[in-house]
N, C-alpha and C. Protein backbone atom coordinates (compact mmCIF):
# COMPACT_ATOMS: atom_id res chain seq x y z
N MET A 1 0.85 -1.18 0.00
CA MET A 1 0.00 0.00 0.00
C MET A 1 0.89 1.24 0.00
N PRO A 2 0.97 1.94 -1.12
CA PRO A 2 1.84 3.13 -1.20
C PRO A 2 1.40 4.24 -0.25
N ASN A 3 2.39 4.88 0.35
CA ASN A 3 2.15 6.00 1.26
C ASN A 3 2.36 7.30 0.49
N ILE A 4 1.38 8.19 0.56
CA ILE A 4 1.46 9.46 -0.14
C ILE A 4 1.41 10.60 0.88
N LEU A 5 2.36 11.51 0.75
CA LEU A 5 2.37 12.73 1.56
C LEU A 5 1.78 13.85 0.72
N ILE A 6 0.71 14.45 1.22
CA ILE A 6 0.10 15.60 0.56
C ILE A 6 0.57 16.85 1.29
N ALA A 7 1.31 17.69 0.61
CA ALA A 7 1.79 18.95 1.18
C ALA A 7 0.99 20.07 0.54
N ASP A 8 -0.08 20.48 1.22
CA ASP A 8 -0.99 21.47 0.65
C ASP A 8 -1.80 22.09 1.78
N ASP A 9 -2.00 23.40 1.71
CA ASP A 9 -2.79 24.09 2.73
C ASP A 9 -4.23 24.33 2.27
N ASP A 10 -4.58 23.83 1.10
CA ASP A 10 -5.94 23.97 0.57
C ASP A 10 -6.81 22.86 1.17
N ASP A 11 -7.69 23.24 2.09
CA ASP A 11 -8.51 22.24 2.79
C ASP A 11 -9.35 21.39 1.84
N ASP A 12 -9.89 22.00 0.78
CA ASP A 12 -10.70 21.23 -0.17
C ASP A 12 -9.86 20.18 -0.88
N MET A 13 -8.68 20.56 -1.32
CA MET A 13 -7.78 19.62 -2.00
C MET A 13 -7.40 18.47 -1.07
N VAL A 14 -7.05 18.82 0.15
CA VAL A 14 -6.66 17.79 1.13
C VAL A 14 -7.83 16.85 1.40
N GLU A 15 -9.02 17.39 1.57
CA GLU A 15 -10.19 16.56 1.85
C GLU A 15 -10.49 15.60 0.70
N ILE A 16 -10.47 16.12 -0.51
CA ILE A 16 -10.77 15.27 -1.68
C ILE A 16 -9.72 14.17 -1.82
N CYS A 17 -8.45 14.53 -1.71
CA CYS A 17 -7.38 13.53 -1.83
C CYS A 17 -7.44 12.51 -0.69
N SER A 18 -7.79 12.98 0.49
CA SER A 18 -7.86 12.08 1.65
C SER A 18 -9.01 11.08 1.52
N ARG A 19 -10.01 11.42 0.74
CA ARG A 19 -11.11 10.48 0.48
C ARG A 19 -10.83 9.61 -0.73
N LEU A 20 -10.28 10.21 -1.78
CA LEU A 20 -10.09 9.53 -3.05
C LEU A 20 -8.93 8.53 -3.02
N LEU A 21 -7.79 8.94 -2.52
CA LEU A 21 -6.59 8.10 -2.62
C LEU A 21 -6.66 6.80 -1.82
N PRO A 22 -7.23 6.79 -0.60
CA PRO A 22 -7.37 5.50 0.09
C PRO A 22 -8.24 4.50 -0.68
N ARG A 23 -9.20 4.98 -1.44
CA ARG A 23 -10.02 4.08 -2.27
C ARG A 23 -9.20 3.42 -3.36
N ARG A 24 -8.08 4.03 -3.69
CA ARG A 24 -7.17 3.48 -4.71
C ARG A 24 -6.03 2.70 -4.07
N GLY A 25 -6.13 2.46 -2.76
CA GLY A 25 -5.14 1.64 -2.09
C GLY A 25 -3.96 2.38 -1.50
N HIS A 26 -4.06 3.69 -1.36
CA HIS A 26 -2.97 4.49 -0.81
C HIS A 26 -3.28 4.93 0.61
N THR A 27 -2.24 5.06 1.42
CA THR A 27 -2.40 5.73 2.71
C THR A 27 -1.97 7.18 2.51
N VAL A 28 -2.58 8.06 3.27
CA VAL A 28 -2.36 9.50 3.08
C VAL A 28 -1.96 10.16 4.39
N LYS A 29 -0.94 10.99 4.33
CA LYS A 29 -0.54 11.87 5.43
C LYS A 29 -0.53 13.28 4.86
N VAL A 30 -0.75 14.27 5.73
CA VAL A 30 -0.88 15.65 5.27
C VAL A 30 0.08 16.58 6.00
N ALA A 31 0.76 17.41 5.23
CA ALA A 31 1.57 18.52 5.76
C ALA A 31 0.94 19.79 5.22
N GLN A 32 0.71 20.77 6.10
CA GLN A 32 0.03 21.99 5.65
C GLN A 32 0.97 23.16 5.45
N ASN A 33 2.28 22.92 5.55
CA ASN A 33 3.25 23.97 5.25
C ASN A 33 4.54 23.31 4.77
N ALA A 34 5.42 24.11 4.21
CA ALA A 34 6.65 23.60 3.60
C ALA A 34 7.59 22.96 4.62
N ALA A 35 7.73 23.59 5.78
CA ALA A 35 8.63 23.04 6.80
C ALA A 35 8.16 21.66 7.25
N ASP A 36 6.86 21.51 7.46
CA ASP A 36 6.33 20.21 7.85
C ASP A 36 6.48 19.19 6.73
N ALA A 37 6.37 19.64 5.48
CA ALA A 37 6.54 18.72 4.35
C ALA A 37 7.94 18.11 4.34
N VAL A 38 8.94 18.94 4.57
CA VAL A 38 10.32 18.44 4.59
C VAL A 38 10.52 17.51 5.78
N SER A 39 10.05 17.92 6.94
CA SER A 39 10.18 17.10 8.15
C SER A 39 9.46 15.76 8.01
N MET A 40 8.25 15.79 7.48
CA MET A 40 7.49 14.55 7.32
C MET A 40 8.09 13.66 6.23
N ALA A 41 8.66 14.25 5.20
CA ALA A 41 9.34 13.44 4.18
C ALA A 41 10.50 12.68 4.81
N GLU A 42 11.23 13.34 5.70
CA GLU A 42 12.35 12.69 6.39
C GLU A 42 11.88 11.58 7.31
N SER A 43 10.84 11.83 8.07
CA SER A 43 10.40 10.84 9.06
C SER A 43 9.56 9.72 8.47
N LEU A 44 8.73 10.02 7.48
CA LEU A 44 7.82 9.02 6.93
C LEU A 44 8.37 8.27 5.73
N ARG A 45 9.29 8.89 4.99
CA ARG A 45 9.81 8.33 3.74
C ARG A 45 8.66 7.85 2.85
N PRO A 46 7.78 8.77 2.43
CA PRO A 46 6.63 8.37 1.62
C PRO A 46 7.05 7.83 0.26
N ASP A 47 6.14 7.12 -0.37
CA ASP A 47 6.40 6.59 -1.71
C ASP A 47 6.25 7.68 -2.77
N LEU A 48 5.49 8.74 -2.43
CA LEU A 48 5.25 9.83 -3.37
C LEU A 48 4.81 11.05 -2.57
N ILE A 49 5.13 12.24 -3.10
CA ILE A 49 4.70 13.49 -2.47
C ILE A 49 3.94 14.32 -3.50
N LEU A 50 2.77 14.81 -3.09
CA LEU A 50 2.04 15.82 -3.86
C LEU A 50 2.37 17.14 -3.20
N MET A 51 3.03 18.05 -3.91
CA MET A 51 3.54 19.28 -3.31
C MET A 51 2.92 20.52 -3.95
N ASP A 52 2.14 21.25 -3.16
CA ASP A 52 1.63 22.55 -3.62
C ASP A 52 2.82 23.50 -3.67
N MET A 53 2.88 24.31 -4.70
CA MET A 53 3.99 25.24 -4.83
C MET A 53 3.79 26.51 -4.01
N ARG A 54 2.55 26.91 -3.77
CA ARG A 54 2.27 28.13 -3.01
C ARG A 54 1.54 27.75 -1.73
N MET A 55 2.25 27.84 -0.63
CA MET A 55 1.68 27.48 0.67
C MET A 55 2.48 28.18 1.76
N PRO A 56 2.03 28.06 3.01
CA PRO A 56 2.81 28.66 4.10
C PRO A 56 4.21 28.04 4.20
N VAL A 57 5.16 28.88 4.56
CA VAL A 57 6.54 28.42 4.74
C VAL A 57 6.62 27.53 5.98
N SER A 58 5.95 27.96 7.04
CA SER A 58 5.97 27.21 8.31
C SER A 58 4.64 27.41 9.01
N SER A 59 4.57 27.00 10.25
CA SER A 59 3.32 27.12 11.01
C SER A 59 2.96 28.56 11.33
N THR A 60 3.86 29.51 11.06
CA THR A 60 3.54 30.92 11.29
C THR A 60 2.48 31.41 10.31
N GLY A 61 2.32 30.70 9.20
CA GLY A 61 1.28 31.04 8.24
C GLY A 61 1.69 31.97 7.13
N ASP A 62 2.94 32.44 7.12
CA ASP A 62 3.41 33.32 6.06
C ASP A 62 3.47 32.54 4.74
N VAL A 63 2.63 32.93 3.78
CA VAL A 63 2.54 32.23 2.50
C VAL A 63 3.60 32.76 1.54
N SER A 64 4.19 31.84 0.78
CA SER A 64 5.20 32.20 -0.20
C SER A 64 4.94 31.46 -1.51
N ASP A 65 5.16 32.16 -2.61
CA ASP A 65 5.04 31.52 -3.92
C ASP A 65 6.14 30.48 -4.14
N ARG A 66 7.22 30.56 -3.36
CA ARG A 66 8.36 29.65 -3.51
C ARG A 66 8.42 28.56 -2.44
N ALA A 67 7.50 28.55 -1.50
CA ALA A 67 7.59 27.62 -0.37
C ALA A 67 7.66 26.16 -0.83
N GLY A 68 6.79 25.79 -1.75
CA GLY A 68 6.79 24.41 -2.24
C GLY A 68 8.05 24.07 -3.01
N LEU A 69 8.49 25.00 -3.85
CA LEU A 69 9.72 24.78 -4.62
C LEU A 69 10.91 24.65 -3.68
N ASP A 70 10.98 25.49 -2.67
CA ASP A 70 12.07 25.40 -1.70
C ASP A 70 12.02 24.07 -0.94
N ALA A 71 10.82 23.59 -0.64
CA ALA A 71 10.68 22.30 0.04
C ALA A 71 11.16 21.16 -0.87
N VAL A 72 10.82 21.23 -2.15
CA VAL A 72 11.29 20.22 -3.11
C VAL A 72 12.81 20.21 -3.14
N LEU A 73 13.42 21.38 -3.23
CA LEU A 73 14.89 21.47 -3.26
C LEU A 73 15.51 20.90 -1.99
N ALA A 74 14.90 21.17 -0.84
CA ALA A 74 15.41 20.65 0.44
C ALA A 74 15.30 19.13 0.49
N ILE A 75 14.20 18.59 0.00
CA ILE A 75 14.00 17.14 0.00
C ILE A 75 14.98 16.48 -0.97
N LYS A 76 15.10 17.02 -2.16
CA LYS A 76 15.98 16.42 -3.17
C LYS A 76 17.46 16.58 -2.83
N ALA A 77 17.79 17.46 -1.89
CA ALA A 77 19.18 17.63 -1.46
C ALA A 77 19.62 16.53 -0.49
N LYS A 78 18.68 15.77 0.01
CA LYS A 78 18.99 14.70 0.97
C LYS A 78 19.10 13.37 0.22
N PRO A 79 20.28 12.75 0.24
CA PRO A 79 20.48 11.52 -0.53
C PRO A 79 19.45 10.43 -0.23
N GLU A 80 19.01 10.35 1.01
CA GLU A 80 18.06 9.30 1.39
C GLU A 80 16.64 9.59 0.89
N LEU A 81 16.39 10.81 0.41
CA LEU A 81 15.05 11.18 -0.05
C LEU A 81 14.99 11.47 -1.55
N VAL A 82 16.14 11.53 -2.19
CA VAL A 82 16.21 11.98 -3.58
C VAL A 82 15.36 11.13 -4.53
N SER A 83 15.13 9.87 -4.23
CA SER A 83 14.39 9.01 -5.14
C SER A 83 12.87 9.10 -4.98
N ILE A 84 12.38 9.84 -4.00
CA ILE A 84 10.94 9.97 -3.81
C ILE A 84 10.37 10.84 -4.93
N PRO A 85 9.43 10.30 -5.71
CA PRO A 85 8.84 11.13 -6.76
C PRO A 85 7.95 12.22 -6.16
N ILE A 86 8.06 13.42 -6.71
CA ILE A 86 7.25 14.56 -6.26
C ILE A 86 6.48 15.11 -7.44
N ILE A 87 5.17 15.23 -7.26
CA ILE A 87 4.31 15.85 -8.27
C ILE A 87 3.95 17.24 -7.76
N ALA A 88 4.27 18.25 -8.55
CA ALA A 88 3.98 19.64 -8.17
C ALA A 88 2.54 19.98 -8.52
N LEU A 89 1.91 20.72 -7.62
CA LEU A 89 0.56 21.24 -7.83
C LEU A 89 0.67 22.75 -7.83
N THR A 90 0.23 23.39 -8.91
CA THR A 90 0.42 24.83 -9.00
C THR A 90 -0.66 25.52 -9.82
N GLY A 91 -0.89 26.76 -9.49
CA GLY A 91 -1.78 27.59 -10.28
C GLY A 91 -1.04 28.33 -11.37
N HIS A 92 0.29 28.20 -11.38
CA HIS A 92 1.14 28.89 -12.37
C HIS A 92 1.66 27.87 -13.37
N MET A 93 1.02 27.77 -14.51
CA MET A 93 1.46 26.79 -15.51
C MET A 93 2.33 27.41 -16.60
N MET A 94 2.83 28.61 -16.34
CA MET A 94 3.68 29.27 -17.34
C MET A 94 4.96 28.46 -17.55
N THR A 95 5.52 28.54 -18.74
CA THR A 95 6.68 27.75 -19.11
C THR A 95 7.85 27.94 -18.16
N MET A 96 8.10 29.18 -17.73
CA MET A 96 9.26 29.40 -16.86
C MET A 96 9.08 28.73 -15.50
N PHE A 97 7.86 28.69 -14.99
CA PHE A 97 7.62 28.00 -13.72
C PHE A 97 7.76 26.49 -13.92
N ARG A 98 7.25 25.99 -15.03
CA ARG A 98 7.34 24.56 -15.31
C ARG A 98 8.80 24.12 -15.35
N ALA A 99 9.63 24.88 -16.04
CA ALA A 99 11.05 24.53 -16.14
C ALA A 99 11.70 24.53 -14.76
N ALA A 100 11.43 25.53 -13.94
CA ALA A 100 12.03 25.60 -12.60
C ALA A 100 11.57 24.43 -11.73
N ILE A 101 10.30 24.09 -11.83
CA ILE A 101 9.75 23.00 -11.02
C ILE A 101 10.34 21.66 -11.44
N LEU A 102 10.41 21.41 -12.73
CA LEU A 102 10.97 20.15 -13.20
C LEU A 102 12.48 20.09 -12.95
N ASP A 103 13.17 21.22 -13.10
CA ASP A 103 14.61 21.27 -12.80
C ASP A 103 14.88 20.99 -11.33
N ALA A 104 13.95 21.34 -10.46
CA ALA A 104 14.12 21.11 -9.02
C ALA A 104 14.01 19.63 -8.67
N GLY A 105 13.44 18.83 -9.57
CA GLY A 105 13.36 17.40 -9.32
C GLY A 105 11.97 16.82 -9.30
N CYS A 106 10.96 17.62 -9.60
CA CYS A 106 9.59 17.08 -9.67
C CYS A 106 9.45 16.22 -10.92
N VAL A 107 8.67 15.16 -10.81
CA VAL A 107 8.48 14.25 -11.94
C VAL A 107 7.31 14.67 -12.83
N ASP A 108 6.44 15.52 -12.28
CA ASP A 108 5.28 15.98 -13.04
C ASP A 108 4.75 17.25 -12.39
N MET A 109 3.86 17.90 -13.10
CA MET A 109 3.28 19.15 -12.62
C MET A 109 1.83 19.20 -13.08
N LEU A 110 0.92 19.45 -12.14
CA LEU A 110 -0.50 19.53 -12.47
C LEU A 110 -1.04 20.89 -12.08
N ALA A 111 -1.95 21.40 -12.90
CA ALA A 111 -2.55 22.71 -12.65
C ALA A 111 -3.64 22.62 -11.58
N LYS A 112 -3.65 23.63 -10.71
CA LYS A 112 -4.72 23.77 -9.73
C LYS A 112 -5.62 24.92 -10.19
N PRO A 113 -6.87 24.87 -9.95
CA PRO A 113 -7.56 23.77 -9.26
C PRO A 113 -7.67 22.55 -10.18
N ILE A 114 -7.60 21.40 -9.58
CA ILE A 114 -7.71 20.15 -10.34
C ILE A 114 -9.18 19.90 -10.60
N GLU A 115 -9.52 19.87 -11.86
CA GLU A 115 -10.92 19.70 -12.24
C GLU A 115 -11.26 18.25 -12.54
N ASN A 116 -10.27 17.47 -12.93
CA ASN A 116 -10.50 16.06 -13.25
C ASN A 116 -9.52 15.24 -12.41
N PHE A 117 -10.03 14.66 -11.34
CA PHE A 117 -9.15 13.92 -10.44
C PHE A 117 -8.65 12.62 -11.04
N MET A 118 -9.23 12.20 -12.17
CA MET A 118 -8.69 11.04 -12.88
C MET A 118 -7.27 11.35 -13.36
N HIS A 119 -7.03 12.60 -13.80
CA HIS A 119 -5.67 12.98 -14.23
C HIS A 119 -4.70 12.90 -13.06
N LEU A 120 -5.14 13.31 -11.88
CA LEU A 120 -4.29 13.25 -10.70
C LEU A 120 -3.95 11.80 -10.37
N THR A 121 -4.95 10.93 -10.32
CA THR A 121 -4.67 9.53 -9.97
C THR A 121 -3.81 8.86 -11.04
N GLU A 122 -4.01 9.21 -12.31
CA GLU A 122 -3.16 8.66 -13.37
C GLU A 122 -1.71 9.12 -13.20
N ALA A 123 -1.52 10.39 -12.88
CA ALA A 123 -0.16 10.91 -12.67
C ALA A 123 0.51 10.23 -11.49
N ILE A 124 -0.25 10.00 -10.42
CA ILE A 124 0.28 9.31 -9.24
C ILE A 124 0.69 7.89 -9.60
N GLU A 125 -0.18 7.16 -10.26
CA GLU A 125 0.12 5.76 -10.61
C GLU A 125 1.33 5.67 -11.53
N LEU A 126 1.43 6.57 -12.50
CA LEU A 126 2.57 6.57 -13.41
C LEU A 126 3.87 6.87 -12.67
N ALA A 127 3.84 7.87 -11.79
CA ALA A 127 5.05 8.22 -11.03
C ALA A 127 5.46 7.07 -10.11
N LEU A 128 4.50 6.42 -9.47
CA LEU A 128 4.83 5.29 -8.60
C LEU A 128 5.41 4.13 -9.41
N LYS A 129 4.83 3.87 -10.56
CA LYS A 129 5.31 2.78 -11.42
C LYS A 129 6.75 3.04 -11.87
N LYS A 130 7.02 4.28 -12.29
CA LYS A 130 8.36 4.63 -12.75
C LYS A 130 9.39 4.60 -11.63
N SER A 131 8.96 4.82 -10.40
CA SER A 131 9.91 4.89 -9.28
C SER A 131 10.27 3.52 -8.72
N LYS A 132 9.50 2.50 -9.08
CA LYS A 132 9.78 1.15 -8.57
C LYS A 132 10.94 0.54 -9.33
N PRO A 133 11.85 -0.13 -8.60
CA PRO A 133 12.95 -0.82 -9.28
C PRO A 133 12.40 -1.93 -10.17
N GLN A 134 13.00 -2.08 -11.31
CA GLN A 134 12.55 -3.10 -12.27
C GLN A 134 12.98 -4.47 -11.84
């Protein structure tokens, strides 16, 4: 049963994923800020991370457009976490943001708000399949 860490402060997104993903055989944990996402990635070693790019930096609630990207960079800088696939969730689908997100180590990027959750589950399954040793 794959473990998925959802790093997102959007209550609706978290609620939908928390209901949908267990039906697909996944366990779900939630981080509501970037600092918790990095900490939980270290302690839980999830099979996959869904990372919102714009969220609070820490529990202080200060929101940053770079918080998710900085969390991805922090996670990918740790050798023991580098192989965890991360799917970026963002409202900014411009080419320059896409390049920065993929260069940081994300395996995919999906636009928010997510209107078709089938695309999300397909992206998750593909990323998990690609991350498994052959």
